[in-house]
Amino acid sequence: MKVRHLPLLNEDRLLLCTDGLTEMVDEEEIAGVLMRDQSAQDTCQTLVDLALEHGGTDNVTVLLAKYEIPV
């Protein structure tokens, strides 16, 4: 098991996903979707749809979280 510690800045987003996404959609395409101005739900759905469009046969799980520093 690998544990990674990453510093987060205000409004950073964190994508957690299974290999059902990363085996079917390359990093550049995933990054392009993440840069769109849409809700987290729509972003996740777009990523799942892309994996399926690219022939995905494995389970595709996607979670997107936004880090916000309380004021």
Protein backbone atom coordinates (compact mmCIF):
# COMPACT_ATOMS: atom_id res chain seq x y z
CA MET A 1 0.00 0.00 0.00
CA LYS A 2 1.27 3.46 -0.87
CA VAL A 3 0.37 6.56 1.13
CA ARG A 4 0.96 9.94 -0.45
CA HIS A 5 0.82 13.32 1.25
CA LEU A 6 0.10 16.24 -1.06
CA PRO A 7 -0.22 19.88 -0.06
CA LEU A 8 -3.55 21.30 -1.18
CA LEU A 9 -4.32 24.89 -2.01
CA ASN A 10 -7.69 26.54 -1.64
CA GLU A 11 -10.16 25.30 -4.29
CA ASP A 12 -7.90 22.45 -5.46
CA ARG A 13 -9.86 19.44 -6.67
CA LEU A 14 -8.96 15.86 -5.95
CA LEU A 15 -9.98 13.07 -8.33
CA LEU A 16 -10.21 9.55 -6.94
CA CYS A 17 -11.00 6.87 -9.50
CA THR A 18 -10.60 3.23 -10.36
CA ASP A 19 -8.52 1.84 -13.17
CA GLY A 20 -11.78 1.45 -15.09
CA LEU A 21 -11.29 5.14 -15.91
CA THR A 22 -7.52 5.41 -16.21
CA GLU A 23 -7.18 2.31 -18.42
CA MET A 24 -9.66 3.74 -20.93
CA VAL A 25 -9.13 7.53 -20.86
CA ASP A 26 -5.68 9.12 -21.04
CA GLU A 27 -4.47 11.73 -18.58
CA GLU A 28 -4.72 14.61 -21.05
CA GLU A 29 -8.37 13.87 -21.77
CA ILE A 30 -9.14 13.52 -18.06
CA ALA A 31 -7.39 16.86 -17.40
CA GLY A 32 -9.42 18.48 -20.17
CA VAL A 33 -12.67 17.36 -18.57
CA LEU A 34 -11.52 18.57 -15.14
CA MET A 35 -10.81 22.04 -16.57
CA ARG A 36 -14.38 22.49 -17.81
CA ASP A 37 -16.73 24.76 -15.89
CA GLN A 38 -19.31 22.20 -14.77
CA SER A 39 -20.57 20.71 -11.54
CA ALA A 40 -18.76 17.85 -9.80
CA GLN A 41 -21.65 15.54 -10.64
CA ASP A 42 -21.53 16.46 -14.34
CA THR A 43 -17.73 16.11 -14.37
CA CYS A 44 -17.92 12.62 -12.87
CA GLN A 45 -20.65 11.58 -15.29
CA THR A 46 -18.64 12.89 -18.25
CA LEU A 47 -15.60 10.87 -17.16
CA VAL A 48 -17.64 7.68 -16.70
CA ASP A 49 -19.29 8.21 -20.10
CA LEU A 50 -15.89 8.69 -21.75
CA ALA A 51 -14.57 5.45 -20.26
CA LEU A 52 -17.61 3.58 -21.54
CA GLU A 53 -17.37 5.24 -24.98
CA HIS A 54 -13.74 4.10 -25.20
CA GLY A 55 -14.87 0.51 -24.75
CA GLY A 56 -14.71 0.21 -20.99
CA THR A 57 -15.75 -3.18 -19.70
CA ASP A 58 -14.47 -2.85 -16.12
CA ASN A 59 -16.25 -1.02 -13.30
CA VAL A 60 -15.74 2.72 -13.51
CA THR A 61 -15.84 4.63 -10.23
CA VAL A 62 -15.14 8.35 -10.04
CA LEU A 63 -15.19 10.71 -7.07
CA LEU A 64 -14.34 14.41 -7.25
CA ALA A 65 -13.77 16.50 -4.14
CA LYS A 66 -13.01 20.20 -3.79
CA TYR A 67 -10.78 21.46 -0.99
CA GLU A 68 -11.86 24.78 0.49
CA ILE A 69 -10.19 26.62 3.33
CA PRO A 70 -12.83 27.89 5.77
CA VAL A 71 -12.88 31.65 6.22
